[in-house]
Amino acid sequence: MKFLIMSNGDYGDINWYRSRKDEFDQVVLVDGGANQASRIGVVPRWVVGDMDSIIPEAWDYAAGLETEFVAVPCEKDETDTQLALDLVAREGASEVVIWGGIGSRIDHTLSNLFNAASLIAQGIMVRFESPEETIYIIDDFLQLPGNAGETVSLIAMGEDVQGVTLQGFKYPLTRETLFCHRQYGVANIITSPDPTIDIESGIVAVIHYQSLKD
């Protein structure tokens, strides 16, 4: 099943999301992420979080759709988005798309990326989407839907990544290592449509900027 998680980060052009809102089997709103739901026209199944950011209009919108509210205390170990990731894993997600998972709060952005990586070990595909960029969290092979001239960065997550092979990029690699504590996979350029990324072990965040050109 394909799940959408809507967090409370940056969104940008709302029309971009409206064109994709019907692609999902289930939708989870994360606290203030619910504030965007009525604007986009998303029909949620759950609202998760400590409810400190959701506005009354968003609450009423979700409640009117018989959405299940999973409220938790403000003082807790997990972030609201982490709780949503745990929920979709329990509910049998095979693929998860996260909107609003990145933004100006670098602490929340990093937390969301690393927490999402925990789903990869469970065989669940995860990516973050916005009008400007898509972030894929991978541990094996990815054929990236991209065009020549677009920028792609690879970030090793948590540990060194072994056996990295890149084809269709300005700076190709063949079974190289990406080091977690000395990142050098930043700002590569696509040279051929739909390039490929293959890794033998480890987890990589593949950051694809659709609107940022060389």
C-alpha atoms as a PDB file:
ATOM      1  CA  MET A   1       0.000   0.000   0.000  1.00  0.00           C
ATOM      2  CA  LYS A   2       1.148   3.518  -0.829  1.00  0.00           C
ATOM      3  CA  PHE A   3       0.928   5.946   2.089  1.00  0.00           C
ATOM      4  CA  LEU A   4       1.216   9.735   2.187  1.00  0.00           C
ATOM      5  CA  ILE A   5       2.505  11.515   5.290  1.00  0.00           C
ATOM      6  CA  MET A   6       1.921  15.266   5.446  1.00  0.00           C
ATOM      7  CA  SER A   7       4.267  16.929   7.948  1.00  0.00           C
ATOM      8  CA  ASN A   8       4.486  20.554   9.042  1.00  0.00           C
ATOM      9  CA  GLY A   9       7.478  21.705   6.976  1.00  0.00           C
ATOM     10  CA  ASP A  10       7.719  23.840   3.851  1.00  0.00           C
ATOM     11  CA  TYR A  11       5.285  23.243   0.974  1.00  0.00           C
ATOM     12  CA  GLY A  12       5.566  25.972  -1.652  1.00  0.00           C
ATOM     13  CA  ASP A  13       3.261  25.792  -4.681  1.00  0.00           C
ATOM     14  CA  ILE A  14       0.023  24.180  -3.461  1.00  0.00           C
ATOM     15  CA  ASN A  15      -1.127  23.434  -7.025  1.00  0.00           C
ATOM     16  CA  TRP A  16       1.805  21.005  -7.401  1.00  0.00           C
ATOM     17  CA  TYR A  17       0.376  18.899  -4.574  1.00  0.00           C
ATOM     18  CA  ARG A  18      -3.200  19.089  -5.814  1.00  0.00           C
ATOM     19  CA  SER A  19      -2.192  17.334  -9.019  1.00  0.00           C
ATOM     20  CA  ARG A  20      -0.844  14.368  -6.977  1.00  0.00           C
ATOM     21  CA  LYS A  21      -3.301  14.079  -4.083  1.00  0.00           C
ATOM     22  CA  ASP A  22      -5.173  11.072  -5.468  1.00  0.00           C
ATOM     23  CA  GLU A  23      -2.125   8.805  -5.874  1.00  0.00           C
ATOM     24  CA  PHE A  24      -2.285   7.326  -2.353  1.00  0.00           C
ATOM     25  CA  ASP A  25      -4.133   4.517  -0.602  1.00  0.00           C
ATOM     26  CA  GLN A  26      -3.966   6.120   2.867  1.00  0.00           C
ATOM     27  CA  VAL A  27      -3.040   9.547   4.220  1.00  0.00           C
ATOM     28  CA  VAL A  28      -1.591  10.511   7.603  1.00  0.00           C
ATOM     29  CA  LEU A  29      -1.559  14.158   8.700  1.00  0.00           C
ATOM     30  CA  VAL A  30       1.148  15.088  11.188  1.00  0.00           C
ATOM     31  CA  ASP A  31      -0.108  17.786  13.569  1.00  0.00           C
ATOM     32  CA  GLY A  32       0.323  21.115  11.720  1.00  0.00           C
ATOM     33  CA  GLY A  33       0.645  19.257   8.429  1.00  0.00           C
ATOM     34  CA  ALA A  34      -3.127  19.080   8.655  1.00  0.00           C
ATOM     35  CA  ASN A  35      -3.241  22.820   8.007  1.00  0.00           C
ATOM     36  CA  GLN A  36      -2.421  22.171   4.350  1.00  0.00           C
ATOM     37  CA  ALA A  37      -4.857  19.287   3.876  1.00  0.00           C
ATOM     38  CA  SER A  38      -8.010  21.289   3.260  1.00  0.00           C
ATOM     39  CA  ARG A  39      -6.191  23.636   0.857  1.00  0.00           C
ATOM     40  CA  ILE A  40      -4.944  20.678  -1.177  1.00  0.00           C
ATOM     41  CA  GLY A  41      -8.114  18.604  -0.896  1.00  0.00           C
ATOM     42  CA  VAL A  42      -6.506  15.583   0.730  1.00  0.00           C
ATOM     43  CA  VAL A  43      -8.767  13.078   2.522  1.00  0.00           C
ATOM     44  CA  PRO A  44      -6.903  11.805   5.618  1.00  0.00           C
ATOM     45  CA  ARG A  45      -7.296   8.582   7.574  1.00  0.00           C
ATOM     46  CA  TRP A  46      -5.323   9.714  10.638  1.00  0.00           C
ATOM     47  CA  VAL A  47      -4.054  12.875  12.337  1.00  0.00           C
ATOM     48  CA  VAL A  48      -1.052  12.114  14.560  1.00  0.00           C
ATOM     49  CA  GLY A  49       0.808  14.301  17.049  1.00  0.00           C
ATOM     50  CA  ASP A  50       0.653  16.449  20.147  1.00  0.00           C
ATOM     51  CA  MET A  51      -1.718  18.830  18.331  1.00  0.00           C
ATOM     52  CA  ASP A  52       0.189  21.985  19.236  1.00  0.00           C
ATOM     53  CA  SER A  53       0.375  23.286  15.649  1.00  0.00           C
ATOM     54  CA  ILE A  54      -2.941  22.332  14.062  1.00  0.00           C
ATOM     55  CA  ILE A  55      -5.311  25.274  13.581  1.00  0.00           C
ATOM     56  CA  PRO A  56      -9.041  24.976  14.462  1.00  0.00           C
ATOM     57  CA  GLU A  57     -10.113  25.083  10.806  1.00  0.00           C
ATOM     58  CA  ALA A  58      -7.832  22.142   9.977  1.00  0.00           C
ATOM     59  CA  TRP A  59      -9.127  20.194  12.979  1.00  0.00           C
ATOM     60  CA  ASP A  60     -12.723  20.751  11.866  1.00  0.00           C
ATOM     61  CA  TYR A  61     -11.872  19.748   8.283  1.00  0.00           C
ATOM     62  CA  ALA A  62     -10.318  16.449   9.367  1.00  0.00           C
ATOM     63  CA  ALA A  63     -13.024  15.731  11.944  1.00  0.00           C
ATOM     64  CA  GLY A  64     -15.685  16.266   9.292  1.00  0.00           C
ATOM     65  CA  LEU A  65     -14.124  13.445   7.273  1.00  0.00           C
ATOM     66  CA  GLU A  66     -14.313  11.057  10.253  1.00  0.00           C
ATOM     67  CA  THR A  67     -10.551  11.061  10.577  1.00  0.00           C
ATOM     68  CA  GLU A  68      -9.006   9.195  13.517  1.00  0.00           C
ATOM     69  CA  PHE A  69      -7.045  11.515  15.843  1.00  0.00           C
ATOM     70  CA  VAL A  70      -4.036   9.939  17.557  1.00  0.00           C
ATOM     71  CA  ALA A  71      -3.115  12.528  20.183  1.00  0.00           C
ATOM     72  CA  VAL A  72       0.042  12.184  22.290  1.00  0.00           C
ATOM     73  CA  PRO A  73       1.617  14.305  25.072  1.00  0.00           C
ATOM     74  CA  CYS A  74       3.825  17.246  24.129  1.00  0.00           C
ATOM     75  CA  GLU A  75       6.589  15.871  26.356  1.00  0.00           C
ATOM     76  CA  LYS A  76       7.736  12.726  24.545  1.00  0.00           C
ATOM     77  CA  ASP A  77      10.859  11.146  23.065  1.00  0.00           C
ATOM     78  CA  GLU A  78       9.661  10.857  19.450  1.00  0.00           C
ATOM     79  CA  THR A  79       8.835  13.639  17.018  1.00  0.00           C
ATOM     80  CA  ASP A  80       5.334  13.687  15.575  1.00  0.00           C
ATOM     81  CA  THR A  81       6.655  12.637  12.167  1.00  0.00           C
ATOM     82  CA  GLN A  82       8.465   9.684  13.723  1.00  0.00           C
ATOM     83  CA  LEU A  83       5.171   8.570  15.263  1.00  0.00           C
ATOM     84  CA  ALA A  84       3.561   8.793  11.818  1.00  0.00           C
ATOM     85  CA  LEU A  85       6.353   6.692  10.305  1.00  0.00           C
ATOM     86  CA  ASP A  86       5.826   4.067  12.996  1.00  0.00           C
ATOM     87  CA  LEU A  87       2.091   4.088  12.270  1.00  0.00           C
ATOM     88  CA  VAL A  88       2.415   3.521   8.519  1.00  0.00           C
ATOM     89  CA  ALA A  89       4.887   0.694   9.103  1.00  0.00           C
ATOM     90  CA  ARG A  90       2.385  -1.011  11.424  1.00  0.00           C
ATOM     91  CA  GLU A  91      -0.420  -0.484   8.913  1.00  0.00           C
ATOM     92  CA  GLY A  92       1.422  -2.368   6.174  1.00  0.00           C
ATOM     93  CA  ALA A  93       2.869   0.359   3.983  1.00  0.00           C
ATOM     94  CA  SER A  94       5.054  -0.803   1.104  1.00  0.00           C
ATOM     95  CA  GLU A  95       5.773   2.739  -0.115  1.00  0.00           C
ATOM     96  CA  VAL A  96       5.747   6.049   1.772  1.00  0.00           C
ATOM     97  CA  VAL A  97       5.805   9.575   0.345  1.00  0.00           C
ATOM     98  CA  ILE A  98       6.386  12.479   2.737  1.00  0.00           C
ATOM     99  CA  TRP A  99       5.240  16.025   2.012  1.00  0.00           C
ATOM    100  CA  GLY A 100       6.366  18.885   4.257  1.00  0.00           C
ATOM    101  CA  GLY A 101       9.110  16.718   5.761  1.00  0.00           C
ATOM    102  CA  ILE A 102      11.887  19.200   5.009  1.00  0.00           C
ATOM    103  CA  GLY A 103      12.149  22.916   5.636  1.00  0.00           C
ATOM    104  CA  SER A 104      13.811  25.702   7.592  1.00  0.00           C
ATOM    105  CA  ARG A 105      14.086  23.665  10.816  1.00  0.00           C
ATOM    106  CA  ILE A 106      17.319  21.737  10.174  1.00  0.00           C
ATOM    107  CA  ASP A 107      16.823  19.688  13.350  1.00  0.00           C
ATOM    108  CA  HIS A 108      13.436  18.424  12.190  1.00  0.00           C
ATOM    109  CA  THR A 109      14.680  17.908   8.643  1.00  0.00           C
ATOM    110  CA  LEU A 110      17.613  15.749   9.760  1.00  0.00           C
ATOM    111  CA  SER A 111      15.450  13.872  12.246  1.00  0.00           C
ATOM    112  CA  ASN A 112      12.878  13.117   9.543  1.00  0.00           C
ATOM    113  CA  LEU A 113      15.512  11.878   7.089  1.00  0.00           C
ATOM    114  CA  PHE A 114      17.191   9.553   9.565  1.00  0.00           C
ATOM    115  CA  ASN A 115      13.915   8.293  11.009  1.00  0.00           C
ATOM    116  CA  ALA A 116      12.675   7.547   7.494  1.00  0.00           C
ATOM    117  CA  ALA A 117      15.820   5.497   6.888  1.00  0.00           C
ATOM    118  CA  SER A 118      14.638   3.059   9.557  1.00  0.00           C
ATOM    119  CA  LEU A 119      11.803   2.013   7.223  1.00  0.00           C
ATOM    120  CA  ILE A 120      14.285   0.923   4.569  1.00  0.00           C
ATOM    121  CA  ALA A 121      15.419  -1.960   6.775  1.00  0.00           C
ATOM    122  CA  GLN A 122      11.774  -3.106   6.804  1.00  0.00           C
ATOM    123  CA  GLY A 123      11.621  -3.184   3.013  1.00  0.00           C
ATOM    124  CA  ILE A 124       9.522  -0.027   2.750  1.00  0.00           C
ATOM    125  CA  MET A 125      10.340   2.488   0.008  1.00  0.00           C
ATOM    126  CA  VAL A 126      10.538   6.097   1.225  1.00  0.00           C
ATOM    127  CA  ARG A 127      10.894   9.444  -0.490  1.00  0.00           C
ATOM    128  CA  PHE A 128      10.338  13.110   0.360  1.00  0.00           C
ATOM    129  CA  GLU A 129       8.617  15.227  -2.288  1.00  0.00           C
ATOM    130  CA  SER A 130       8.256  18.953  -2.935  1.00  0.00           C
ATOM    131  CA  PRO A 131       7.928  21.119  -6.062  1.00  0.00           C
ATOM    132  CA  GLU A 132      11.675  21.856  -6.010  1.00  0.00           C
ATOM    133  CA  GLU A 133      13.257  18.584  -4.932  1.00  0.00           C
ATOM    134  CA  THR A 134      12.761  14.890  -4.295  1.00  0.00           C
ATOM    135  CA  ILE A 135      14.775  12.940  -1.746  1.00  0.00           C
ATOM    136  CA  TYR A 136      14.972   9.169  -2.138  1.00  0.00           C
ATOM    137  CA  ILE A 137      16.238   7.056   0.773  1.00  0.00           C
ATOM    138  CA  ILE A 138      17.781   3.925  -0.773  1.00  0.00           C
ATOM    139  CA  ASP A 139      19.905   0.913   0.134  1.00  0.00           C
ATOM    140  CA  ASP A 140      20.222  -0.776  -3.265  1.00  0.00           C
ATOM    141  CA  PHE A 141      19.302   0.377  -6.793  1.00  0.00           C
ATOM    142  CA  LEU A 142      17.525   3.458  -8.100  1.00  0.00           C
ATOM    143  CA  GLN A 143      16.776   4.530 -11.652  1.00  0.00           C
ATOM    144  CA  LEU A 144      16.305   8.242 -11.085  1.00  0.00           C
ATOM    145  CA  PRO A 145      13.590   9.942 -13.147  1.00  0.00           C
ATOM    146  CA  GLY A 146      15.612  12.992 -14.144  1.00  0.00           C
ATOM    147  CA  ASN A 147      16.800  15.086 -17.072  1.00  0.00           C
ATOM    148  CA  ALA A 148      20.208  16.218 -18.267  1.00  0.00           C
ATOM    149  CA  GLY A 149      21.506  19.283 -16.441  1.00  0.00           C
ATOM    150  CA  GLU A 150      19.656  18.637 -13.183  1.00  0.00           C
ATOM    151  CA  THR A 151      21.574  18.489  -9.901  1.00  0.00           C
ATOM    152  CA  VAL A 152      21.776  15.415  -7.687  1.00  0.00           C
ATOM    153  CA  SER A 153      23.568  14.995  -4.351  1.00  0.00           C
ATOM    154  CA  LEU A 154      24.272  11.721  -2.562  1.00  0.00           C
ATOM    155  CA  ILE A 155      24.601  11.788   1.235  1.00  0.00           C
ATOM    156  CA  ALA A 156      25.813   8.712   3.136  1.00  0.00           C
ATOM    157  CA  MET A 157      23.577   8.196   6.159  1.00  0.00           C
ATOM    158  CA  GLY A 158      24.802   6.771   9.436  1.00  0.00           C
ATOM    159  CA  GLU A 159      27.721   4.770   8.070  1.00  0.00           C
ATOM    160  CA  ASP A 160      30.037   4.518   5.078  1.00  0.00           C
ATOM    161  CA  VAL A 161      28.288   3.306   1.944  1.00  0.00           C
ATOM    162  CA  GLN A 162      30.107   0.627  -0.039  1.00  0.00           C
ATOM    163  CA  GLY A 163      30.084  -0.278  -3.720  1.00  0.00           C
ATOM    164  CA  VAL A 164      28.543   2.888  -5.144  1.00  0.00           C
ATOM    165  CA  THR A 165      28.137   2.916  -8.926  1.00  0.00           C
ATOM    166  CA  LEU A 166      26.775   5.936 -10.786  1.00  0.00           C
ATOM    167  CA  GLN A 167      25.900   5.948 -14.469  1.00  0.00           C
ATOM    168  CA  GLY A 168      24.537   8.865 -16.457  1.00  0.00           C
ATOM    169  CA  PHE A 169      26.253  11.536 -14.342  1.00  0.00           C
ATOM    170  CA  LYS A 170      28.990  14.092 -14.995  1.00  0.00           C
ATOM    171  CA  TYR A 171      31.011  12.460 -12.216  1.00  0.00           C
ATOM    172  CA  PRO A 172      30.449   8.676 -12.535  1.00  0.00           C
ATOM    173  CA  LEU A 173      31.545   6.146  -9.927  1.00  0.00           C
ATOM    174  CA  THR A 174      32.306   2.442 -10.112  1.00  0.00           C
ATOM    175  CA  ARG A 175      32.034   0.503  -6.846  1.00  0.00           C
ATOM    176  CA  GLU A 176      33.398   3.393  -4.789  1.00  0.00           C
ATOM    177  CA  THR A 177      32.844   4.246  -1.120  1.00  0.00           C
ATOM    178  CA  LEU A 178      30.870   7.226   0.130  1.00  0.00           C
ATOM    179  CA  PHE A 179      32.149   8.197   3.565  1.00  0.00           C
ATOM    180  CA  CYS A 180      29.673   9.294   6.206  1.00  0.00           C
ATOM    181  CA  HIS A 181      32.096  11.680   7.931  1.00  0.00           C
ATOM    182  CA  ARG A 182      33.625  13.110   4.743  1.00  0.00           C
ATOM    183  CA  GLN A 183      30.866  13.664   2.233  1.00  0.00           C
ATOM    184  CA  TYR A 184      31.947  14.101  -1.385  1.00  0.00           C
ATOM    185  CA  GLY A 185      28.820  13.125  -3.312  1.00  0.00           C
ATOM    186  CA  VAL A 186      27.371  16.644  -3.363  1.00  0.00           C
ATOM    187  CA  ALA A 187      26.269  18.512  -6.524  1.00  0.00           C
ATOM    188  CA  ASN A 188      26.674  15.928  -9.270  1.00  0.00           C
ATOM    189  CA  ILE A 189      25.009  16.649 -12.619  1.00  0.00           C
ATOM    190  CA  ILE A 190      22.796  14.372 -14.713  1.00  0.00           C
ATOM    191  CA  THR A 191      24.153  13.920 -18.241  1.00  0.00           C
ATOM    192  CA  SER A 192      21.725  11.267 -19.549  1.00  0.00           C
ATOM    193  CA  PRO A 193      17.993  10.940 -18.868  1.00  0.00           C
ATOM    194  CA  ASP A 194      17.006   8.582 -16.041  1.00  0.00           C
ATOM    195  CA  PRO A 195      20.503   7.877 -14.650  1.00  0.00           C
ATOM    196  CA  THR A 196      21.140   4.957 -12.305  1.00  0.00           C
ATOM    197  CA  ILE A 197      22.499   4.658  -8.777  1.00  0.00           C
ATOM    198  CA  ASP A 198      23.538   1.279  -7.417  1.00  0.00           C
ATOM    199  CA  ILE A 199      24.949   0.565  -3.955  1.00  0.00           C
ATOM    200  CA  GLU A 200      26.092  -2.669  -2.345  1.00  0.00           C
ATOM    201  CA  SER A 201      25.682  -1.778   1.349  1.00  0.00           C
ATOM    202  CA  GLY A 202      24.635   1.169   3.471  1.00  0.00           C
ATOM    203  CA  ILE A 203      21.928   3.815   3.113  1.00  0.00           C
ATOM    204  CA  VAL A 204      22.043   6.900   0.904  1.00  0.00           C
ATOM    205  CA  ALA A 205      19.862   9.989   0.673  1.00  0.00           C
ATOM    206  CA  VAL A 206      19.601  10.866  -3.025  1.00  0.00           C
ATOM    207  CA  ILE A 207      18.627  14.539  -3.288  1.00  0.00           C
ATOM    208  CA  HIS A 208      17.317  15.442  -6.748  1.00  0.00           C
ATOM    209  CA  TYR A 209      16.783  19.123  -7.514  1.00  0.00           C
ATOM    210  CA  GLN A 210      14.347  19.372 -10.404  1.00  0.00           C
ATOM    211  CA  SER A 211      14.592  23.155 -10.714  1.00  0.00           C
ATOM    212  CA  LEU A 212      18.251  23.720  -9.813  1.00  0.00           C
ATOM    213  CA  LYS A 213      20.378  23.627 -12.955  1.00  0.00           C
ATOM    214  CA  ASP A 214      24.146  23.363 -13.451  1.00  0.00           C
END
